[in-house]
Amino acid sequence: MIRIKTPLNSFEKFKCSATPMGILIWMISMVFIAACAKTIPAVKIAEEPMVRGCAYVATLSETTDPGRRLSNYRSPEHEDKILERAANLGATHVVWIYDYQVGSSAVAYRCDH
């Protein structure tokens, strides 16, 4: 009898040869990958009229490394850092003051509505 090798046969062979140690290593690596996933802070970007009546938290700013080449600039880099800092301070909204290649600034507010 001639047996034709198909992807299904290869998978069945792999499935039977999987050891408990191999499964454990795979599960641990998936946990590390999931732990490294970046979460987006729950801070909303707002305009001035939207934050009337909200409590002022802080004015936040970020700048680039002065020795860094600006041609490799990723535009949301400063936004990410400011949103993360605002979330750590308990802010619910930010209003951008400026966002340039060399730096960004925003005002953080905590709103109850």
N, C-alpha and C. Protein backbone atom coordinates (compact mmCIF):
# COMPACT_ATOMS: atom_id res chain seq x y z
N MET A 1 0.84 -1.18 0.00
CA MET A 1 0.00 0.00 0.00
C MET A 1 0.89 1.25 0.00
N ILE A 2 0.59 2.18 -0.88
CA ILE A 2 1.34 3.43 -0.98
C ILE A 2 0.61 4.47 -0.13
N ARG A 3 1.37 5.15 0.70
CA ARG A 3 0.79 6.19 1.54
C ARG A 3 1.24 7.55 1.02
N ILE A 4 0.30 8.42 0.75
CA ILE A 4 0.61 9.76 0.24
C ILE A 4 0.73 10.69 1.43
N LYS A 5 1.82 11.45 1.45
CA LYS A 5 2.06 12.39 2.54
C LYS A 5 1.26 13.67 2.29
N THR A 6 0.40 14.01 3.21
CA THR A 6 -0.41 15.22 3.11
C THR A 6 -0.17 16.05 4.36
N PRO A 7 -0.54 17.34 4.33
CA PRO A 7 -0.39 18.16 5.53
C PRO A 7 -1.16 17.59 6.72
N LEU A 8 -2.29 16.94 6.48
CA LEU A 8 -3.06 16.37 7.58
C LEU A 8 -2.29 15.25 8.25
N ASN A 9 -1.63 14.40 7.46
CA ASN A 9 -0.82 13.33 8.04
C ASN A 9 0.31 13.90 8.89
N SER A 10 0.96 14.95 8.40
CA SER A 10 2.05 15.58 9.15
C SER A 10 1.55 16.17 10.45
N PHE A 11 0.36 16.76 10.43
CA PHE A 11 -0.20 17.34 11.64
C PHE A 11 -0.54 16.26 12.66
N GLU A 12 -1.09 15.15 12.20
CA GLU A 12 -1.42 14.04 13.10
C GLU A 12 -0.15 13.51 13.76
N LYS A 13 0.93 13.41 13.00
CA LYS A 13 2.19 12.94 13.55
C LYS A 13 2.71 13.92 14.60
N PHE A 14 2.61 15.23 14.32
CA PHE A 14 3.06 16.24 15.27
C PHE A 14 2.22 16.20 16.53
N LYS A 15 0.91 16.06 16.36
CA LYS A 15 0.00 16.06 17.50
C LYS A 15 0.29 14.89 18.43
N CYS A 16 0.61 13.74 17.88
CA CYS A 16 0.90 12.56 18.69
C CYS A 16 2.25 12.67 19.37
N SER A 17 3.19 13.41 18.77
CA SER A 17 4.53 13.49 19.35
C SER A 17 4.70 14.67 20.30
N ALA A 18 3.68 15.48 20.52
CA ALA A 18 3.79 16.62 21.42
C ALA A 18 3.93 16.12 22.85
N THR A 19 4.98 16.55 23.51
CA THR A 19 5.23 16.12 24.88
C THR A 19 4.62 17.12 25.86
N PRO A 20 4.36 16.71 27.07
CA PRO A 20 3.85 17.65 28.07
C PRO A 20 4.80 18.82 28.29
N MET A 21 6.12 18.57 28.21
CA MET A 21 7.09 19.65 28.39
C MET A 21 7.00 20.64 27.24
N GLY A 22 6.83 20.15 26.02
CA GLY A 22 6.69 21.04 24.87
C GLY A 22 5.43 21.89 24.96
N ILE A 23 4.35 21.28 25.44
CA ILE A 23 3.10 22.03 25.61
C ILE A 23 3.28 23.08 26.69
N LEU A 24 3.97 22.75 27.78
CA LEU A 24 4.20 23.70 28.86
C LEU A 24 5.03 24.88 28.38
N ILE A 25 6.08 24.61 27.61
CA ILE A 25 6.92 25.69 27.08
C ILE A 25 6.10 26.58 26.15
N TRP A 26 5.26 25.98 25.32
CA TRP A 26 4.41 26.76 24.42
C TRP A 26 3.45 27.64 25.22
N MET A 27 2.84 27.10 26.28
CA MET A 27 1.89 27.88 27.08
C MET A 27 2.59 29.03 27.80
N ILE A 28 3.77 28.80 28.33
CA ILE A 28 4.52 29.86 29.01
C ILE A 28 4.90 30.96 28.02
N SER A 29 5.31 30.58 26.81
CA SER A 29 5.67 31.60 25.82
C SER A 29 4.44 32.43 25.43
N MET A 30 3.26 31.82 25.35
CA MET A 30 2.04 32.57 25.03
C MET A 30 1.69 33.55 26.15
N VAL A 31 1.94 33.16 27.40
CA VAL A 31 1.68 34.06 28.53
C VAL A 31 2.61 35.27 28.45
N PHE A 32 3.89 35.05 28.13
CA PHE A 32 4.82 36.17 28.01
C PHE A 32 4.44 37.09 26.85
N ILE A 33 4.02 36.53 25.75
CA ILE A 33 3.60 37.36 24.61
C ILE A 33 2.37 38.19 24.97
N ALA A 34 1.41 37.58 25.66
CA ALA A 34 0.20 38.31 26.05
C ALA A 34 0.53 39.39 27.08
N ALA A 35 1.50 39.14 27.95
CA ALA A 35 1.86 40.13 28.97
C ALA A 35 2.55 41.34 28.36
N CYS A 36 3.18 41.17 27.21
CA CYS A 36 3.88 42.28 26.57
C CYS A 36 2.96 43.14 25.70
N ALA A 37 1.73 42.73 25.54
CA ALA A 37 0.81 43.51 24.71
C ALA A 37 0.56 44.87 25.37
N LYS A 38 0.57 45.89 24.56
CA LYS A 38 0.38 47.25 25.07
C LYS A 38 -1.10 47.57 25.17
N THR A 39 -1.48 48.11 26.32
CA THR A 39 -2.87 48.50 26.51
C THR A 39 -3.03 49.99 26.23
N ILE A 40 -4.16 50.36 25.73
CA ILE A 40 -4.43 51.75 25.43
C ILE A 40 -5.16 52.35 26.63
N PRO A 41 -4.65 53.45 27.18
CA PRO A 41 -5.31 54.05 28.33
C PRO A 41 -6.70 54.57 27.97
N ALA A 42 -7.58 54.59 28.94
CA ALA A 42 -8.95 55.02 28.72
C ALA A 42 -9.08 56.53 28.90
N VAL A 43 -8.25 57.29 28.22
CA VAL A 43 -8.30 58.75 28.27
C VAL A 43 -8.80 59.24 26.92
N LYS A 44 -9.81 60.09 26.96
CA LYS A 44 -10.40 60.60 25.71
C LYS A 44 -9.72 61.90 25.30
N ILE A 45 -9.55 62.06 24.00
CA ILE A 45 -9.03 63.32 23.46
C ILE A 45 -10.23 64.23 23.25
N ALA A 46 -10.14 65.45 23.78
CA ALA A 46 -11.30 66.34 23.78
C ALA A 46 -10.93 67.73 23.27
N GLU A 47 -11.95 68.52 23.05
CA GLU A 47 -11.81 69.94 22.73
C GLU A 47 -12.16 70.74 23.98
N GLU A 48 -11.80 72.02 24.00
CA GLU A 48 -12.05 72.86 25.18
C GLU A 48 -13.51 72.87 25.65
N PRO A 49 -14.50 73.02 24.76
CA PRO A 49 -15.88 73.04 25.24
C PRO A 49 -16.33 71.74 25.92
N MET A 50 -15.71 70.65 25.57
CA MET A 50 -16.10 69.36 26.14
C MET A 50 -15.66 69.19 27.59
N VAL A 51 -14.68 69.97 28.03
CA VAL A 51 -14.15 69.81 29.39
C VAL A 51 -14.55 70.95 30.33
N ARG A 52 -15.54 71.74 29.93
CA ARG A 52 -16.04 72.78 30.84
C ARG A 52 -16.67 72.12 32.05
N GLY A 53 -16.36 72.56 33.21
CA GLY A 53 -16.89 71.98 34.43
C GLY A 53 -16.11 70.78 34.93
N CYS A 54 -15.02 70.45 34.27
CA CYS A 54 -14.19 69.31 34.70
C CYS A 54 -13.04 69.83 35.57
N ALA A 55 -12.50 68.97 36.38
CA ALA A 55 -11.40 69.34 37.27
C ALA A 55 -10.07 69.25 36.53
N TYR A 56 -9.27 70.31 36.65
CA TYR A 56 -7.93 70.34 36.06
C TYR A 56 -7.04 69.36 36.81
N VAL A 57 -6.27 68.55 36.07
CA VAL A 57 -5.35 67.60 36.71
C VAL A 57 -3.91 68.08 36.56
N ALA A 58 -3.46 68.26 35.32
CA ALA A 58 -2.07 68.67 35.10
C ALA A 58 -1.87 69.06 33.65
N THR A 59 -0.78 69.80 33.41
CA THR A 59 -0.33 70.07 32.05
C THR A 59 0.85 69.15 31.80
N LEU A 60 0.76 68.33 30.78
CA LEU A 60 1.77 67.31 30.49
C LEU A 60 2.49 67.63 29.20
N SER A 61 3.79 67.37 29.16
CA SER A 61 4.55 67.59 27.93
C SER A 61 5.62 66.53 27.79
N GLU A 62 5.97 66.23 26.56
CA GLU A 62 7.02 65.26 26.22
C GLU A 62 7.86 65.85 25.11
N THR A 63 9.17 65.59 25.15
CA THR A 63 10.06 66.03 24.08
C THR A 63 10.88 64.86 23.58
N THR A 64 11.46 65.01 22.38
CA THR A 64 12.30 63.95 21.83
C THR A 64 13.69 64.03 22.42
N ASP A 65 14.43 62.99 22.22
CA ASP A 65 15.83 62.96 22.59
C ASP A 65 16.56 63.92 21.66
N PRO A 66 17.30 64.90 22.19
CA PRO A 66 17.94 65.89 21.32
C PRO A 66 18.93 65.30 20.32
N GLY A 67 19.53 64.16 20.61
CA GLY A 67 20.49 63.57 19.70
C GLY A 67 19.86 62.62 18.69
N ARG A 68 18.57 62.48 18.75
CA ARG A 68 17.89 61.52 17.88
C ARG A 68 17.59 62.14 16.52
N ARG A 69 17.63 61.31 15.49
CA ARG A 69 17.31 61.79 14.14
C ARG A 69 15.80 61.92 14.00
N LEU A 70 15.35 63.04 13.51
CA LEU A 70 13.92 63.27 13.38
C LEU A 70 13.32 62.57 12.18
N SER A 71 14.14 62.06 11.29
CA SER A 71 13.60 61.36 10.14
C SER A 71 12.98 60.02 10.55
N ASN A 72 13.35 59.49 11.71
CA ASN A 72 12.79 58.24 12.21
C ASN A 72 11.64 58.48 13.18
N TYR A 73 11.09 59.64 13.16
CA TYR A 73 10.04 60.04 14.10
C TYR A 73 8.74 59.29 13.81
N ARG A 74 8.15 58.72 14.86
CA ARG A 74 6.83 58.08 14.76
C ARG A 74 5.84 59.05 15.39
N SER A 75 4.90 59.54 14.63
CA SER A 75 4.06 60.64 15.07
C SER A 75 3.28 60.41 16.37
N PRO A 76 2.70 59.25 16.65
CA PRO A 76 1.95 59.13 17.90
C PRO A 76 2.81 58.83 19.13
N GLU A 77 4.14 58.88 18.99
CA GLU A 77 5.01 58.55 20.12
C GLU A 77 4.74 59.45 21.33
N HIS A 78 4.70 60.74 21.10
CA HIS A 78 4.46 61.66 22.22
C HIS A 78 3.03 61.51 22.74
N GLU A 79 2.10 61.30 21.84
CA GLU A 79 0.71 61.13 22.25
C GLU A 79 0.57 59.93 23.18
N ASP A 80 1.20 58.84 22.85
CA ASP A 80 1.13 57.63 23.68
C ASP A 80 1.66 57.90 25.08
N LYS A 81 2.79 58.57 25.17
CA LYS A 81 3.39 58.84 26.48
C LYS A 81 2.51 59.78 27.30
N ILE A 82 1.97 60.80 26.66
CA ILE A 82 1.12 61.75 27.38
C ILE A 82 -0.18 61.09 27.82
N LEU A 83 -0.79 60.28 26.96
CA LEU A 83 -2.02 59.59 27.34
C LEU A 83 -1.77 58.61 28.49
N GLU A 84 -0.64 57.95 28.48
CA GLU A 84 -0.31 57.03 29.57
C GLU A 84 -0.10 57.78 30.88
N ARG A 85 0.62 58.89 30.83
CA ARG A 85 0.83 59.69 32.04
C ARG A 85 -0.48 60.26 32.56
N ALA A 86 -1.36 60.70 31.65
CA ALA A 86 -2.66 61.24 32.07
C ALA A 86 -3.49 60.16 32.75
N ALA A 87 -3.47 58.95 32.20
CA ALA A 87 -4.21 57.84 32.81
C ALA A 87 -3.66 57.51 34.19
N ASN A 88 -2.35 57.55 34.35
CA ASN A 88 -1.74 57.29 35.65
C ASN A 88 -2.12 58.34 36.68
N LEU A 89 -2.39 59.57 36.24
CA LEU A 89 -2.81 60.63 37.15
C LEU A 89 -4.31 60.62 37.42
N GLY A 90 -5.04 59.76 36.74
CA GLY A 90 -6.48 59.67 36.95
C GLY A 90 -7.31 60.58 36.06
N ALA A 91 -6.73 61.10 35.01
CA ALA A 91 -7.46 61.98 34.10
C ALA A 91 -8.38 61.16 33.20
N THR A 92 -9.47 61.79 32.78
CA THR A 92 -10.39 61.13 31.85
C THR A 92 -10.34 61.75 30.46
N HIS A 93 -9.88 63.01 30.35
CA HIS A 93 -9.81 63.71 29.07
C HIS A 93 -8.50 64.49 28.97
N VAL A 94 -8.00 64.66 27.75
CA VAL A 94 -6.88 65.56 27.49
C VAL A 94 -7.24 66.48 26.34
N VAL A 95 -6.75 67.71 26.44
CA VAL A 95 -6.90 68.69 25.37
C VAL A 95 -5.49 69.02 24.89
N TRP A 96 -5.22 68.78 23.61
CA TRP A 96 -3.88 69.01 23.07
C TRP A 96 -3.61 70.49 22.94
N ILE A 97 -2.43 70.91 23.40
CA ILE A 97 -1.97 72.29 23.23
C ILE A 97 -1.17 72.36 21.93
N TYR A 98 -0.22 71.45 21.77
CA TYR A 98 0.53 71.35 20.51
C TYR A 98 1.08 69.94 20.36
N ASP A 99 1.38 69.57 19.12
CA ASP A 99 1.97 68.27 18.81
C ASP A 99 2.87 68.44 17.59
N TYR A 100 4.17 68.62 17.85
CA TYR A 100 5.16 68.80 16.79
C TYR A 100 6.14 67.64 16.82
N GLN A 101 7.06 67.61 15.84
CA GLN A 101 8.08 66.56 15.80
C GLN A 101 8.97 66.57 17.03
N VAL A 102 9.26 67.73 17.55
CA VAL A 102 10.19 67.83 18.68
C VAL A 102 9.51 67.70 20.03
N GLY A 103 8.21 67.72 20.10
CA GLY A 103 7.53 67.58 21.38
C GLY A 103 6.04 67.78 21.29
N SER A 104 5.36 67.39 22.37
CA SER A 104 3.91 67.51 22.45
C SER A 104 3.54 67.99 23.84
N SER A 105 2.37 68.59 23.94
CA SER A 105 1.87 69.06 25.23
C SER A 105 0.35 68.98 25.24
N ALA A 106 -0.20 68.66 26.42
CA ALA A 106 -1.65 68.55 26.56
C ALA A 106 -2.03 68.90 27.99
N VAL A 107 -3.27 69.32 28.17
CA VAL A 107 -3.82 69.59 29.49
C VAL A 107 -4.76 68.44 29.84
N ALA A 108 -4.57 67.86 31.02
CA ALA A 108 -5.37 66.71 31.46
C ALA A 108 -6.47 67.16 32.41
N TYR A 109 -7.67 66.59 32.25
CA TYR A 109 -8.83 66.92 33.08
C TYR A 109 -9.48 65.63 33.59
N ARG A 110 -10.14 65.73 34.75
CA ARG A 110 -10.96 64.64 35.25
C ARG A 110 -12.41 65.09 35.22
N CYS A 111 -13.22 64.39 34.44
CA CYS A 111 -14.62 64.74 34.27
C CYS A 111 -15.51 63.67 34.90
N ASP A 112 -16.60 64.11 35.52
CA ASP A 112 -17.53 63.17 36.14
C ASP A 112 -18.64 62.75 35.18
N HIS A 113 -18.83 63.51 34.14
CA HIS A 113 -19.94 63.18 33.20
C HIS A 113 -19.53 62.23 32.14
